[in-house]
Protein backbone atom coordinates (compact mmCIF):
# COMPACT_ATOMS: atom_id res chain seq x y z
CA MET A 1 197.39 82.08 149.86
CA ASN A 2 200.89 81.62 148.41
CA LYS A 3 199.45 79.20 145.85
CA ILE A 4 196.89 81.82 144.83
CA HIS A 5 199.61 84.48 144.57
CA LYS A 6 201.55 82.23 142.21
CA GLU A 7 198.43 81.55 140.15
CA MET A 8 197.77 85.29 139.96
CA GLU A 9 201.32 85.90 138.74
CA ASP A 10 200.98 83.18 136.10
CA ALA A 11 197.53 84.22 134.88
CA ASP A 12 196.96 86.27 131.75
CA TYR A 13 193.93 87.89 133.41
CA ILE A 14 192.54 88.09 136.92
CA ILE A 15 188.76 88.13 136.96
CA ILE A 16 187.12 89.26 140.17
CA GLY A 17 183.37 89.16 140.55
CA SER A 18 181.06 89.94 143.41
CA PRO A 19 177.51 90.89 144.14
CA ILE A 20 177.16 94.29 145.73
CA TYR A 21 175.24 93.97 148.98
CA PHE A 22 174.38 97.07 151.00
CA GLY A 23 176.67 99.15 148.81
CA GLU A 24 179.80 96.98 149.06
CA VAL A 25 181.31 93.78 147.70
CA THR A 26 180.72 90.65 149.75
CA ALA A 27 182.77 89.88 152.83
CA GLN A 28 184.35 86.95 150.99
CA THR A 29 185.52 89.20 148.16
CA LYS A 30 186.81 91.77 150.64
CA LEU A 31 188.71 89.05 152.51
CA PHE A 32 190.33 87.93 149.25
CA THR A 33 191.30 91.45 148.15
CA ASP A 34 192.57 92.38 151.62
CA ARG A 35 195.16 89.65 151.13
CA PHE A 36 196.59 91.69 148.25
CA TYR A 37 198.44 93.62 150.96
CA SER A 38 200.90 90.75 151.32
CA ILE A 39 201.49 90.85 147.56
CA TYR A 40 202.01 94.61 147.69
CA ASN A 41 204.66 94.23 150.40
CA ASN A 42 206.51 91.44 148.58
CA LYS A 43 209.62 92.86 146.91
CA ASN A 44 209.59 90.00 144.40
CA ARG A 45 205.98 90.47 143.35
CA ASN A 46 205.24 89.98 139.72
CA VAL A 47 201.74 91.37 139.23
CA ASP A 48 202.47 94.93 138.09
CA GLY A 49 200.39 95.66 135.01
CA LYS A 50 198.40 92.43 135.44
CA LYS A 51 195.15 92.68 133.48
CA VAL A 52 192.04 92.60 135.64
CA ILE A 53 188.36 92.31 134.77
CA LEU A 54 185.86 93.35 137.42
CA ILE A 55 182.30 92.00 137.41
CA TYR A 56 179.69 93.31 139.81
CA THR A 57 176.07 92.26 140.15
CA GLN A 58 173.49 94.24 142.03
CA GLY A 59 169.79 94.08 142.69
CA ASN A 60 169.26 97.78 142.14
CA PRO A 61 168.21 98.35 138.52
CA ASP A 62 170.19 101.61 138.27
CA ALA A 63 173.69 100.66 137.11
CA LYS A 64 175.04 104.02 138.33
CA VAL A 65 173.79 103.76 141.92
CA TYR A 66 177.09 102.26 143.16
CA GLU A 67 179.28 103.95 140.57
CA GLU A 68 181.20 105.95 143.17
CA TYR A 69 181.92 102.77 145.12
CA THR A 70 183.18 100.86 142.09
CA LYS A 71 185.34 103.82 141.02
CA ASN A 72 186.84 103.96 144.51
CA GLN A 73 187.49 100.21 144.45
CA LYS A 74 189.38 100.65 141.20
CA ALA A 75 191.37 103.66 142.42
CA PHE A 76 192.14 102.63 145.99
CA LEU A 77 192.70 98.93 145.42
CA TYR A 78 193.38 97.88 141.84
CA ASP A 79 195.22 101.01 140.65
CA PHE A 80 197.14 101.07 143.94
CA MET A 81 198.27 97.50 143.22
CA ASN A 82 199.31 98.65 139.74
CA PHE A 83 196.82 96.31 138.10
CA ASP A 84 195.47 97.20 134.67
CA VAL A 85 191.66 97.11 134.91
CA VAL A 86 190.71 96.44 131.30
CA ASN A 87 186.96 95.97 131.81
CA THR A 88 184.30 96.54 134.43
CA LEU A 89 180.93 94.91 133.95
CA ILE A 90 178.04 95.99 136.15
CA ALA A 91 175.01 93.72 135.93
CA ALA A 92 172.21 95.77 137.47
CA GLY A 93 168.75 94.55 138.38
CA ILE A 94 169.91 91.01 139.03
CA HIS A 95 168.25 89.08 141.85
CA SER A 96 168.54 85.60 140.40
CA LYS A 97 170.01 83.56 137.56
CA GLU A 98 166.67 83.89 135.79
CA ASP A 99 166.96 87.70 135.94
CA LEU A 100 170.38 87.50 134.32
CA ASN A 101 169.15 85.18 131.58
CA GLN A 102 166.61 87.86 130.61
CA LYS A 103 169.21 90.64 130.36
CA ASN A 104 170.46 90.17 126.82
CA GLU A 105 172.54 93.36 126.84
CA ILE A 106 174.49 92.20 129.91
CA LEU A 107 175.00 88.73 128.49
CA LYS A 108 176.21 90.23 125.21
CA GLU A 109 178.64 92.51 127.04
CA ALA A 110 180.00 89.53 129.02
CA GLU A 111 180.36 87.58 125.78
CA ASN A 112 182.25 90.48 124.17
CA ILE A 113 184.64 90.63 127.12
CA ALA A 114 185.20 86.87 126.89
CA MET A 115 185.89 87.08 123.16
CA ARG A 116 188.56 89.75 123.69
CA ILE A 117 190.51 87.62 126.16
CA THR A 118 190.45 84.32 124.30
């Protein structure tokens, strides 16, 4: 994890993406973000103000159905870590890669985010 901490410190942006299953990010994403606690407790940490982009996919077609959850994630995790969440993309109604390829508005939004960070 120390290598990942160093890479996070050196990165211009941290991009975290996860499907939302049963109203929460995946266990793998949760495991990764739970490790932020060791960064938080490190007196020499160098991630304050680090720009973060959050990307969530979900099968439910209503992009607002997990809005409270994603707001809480931002407030209780990313804001707490003093990260600067610059974008949150919610790709709703996605069950497969083919579904995503048919969602031009989501693809365009992802492209716009990518253009702003390059």
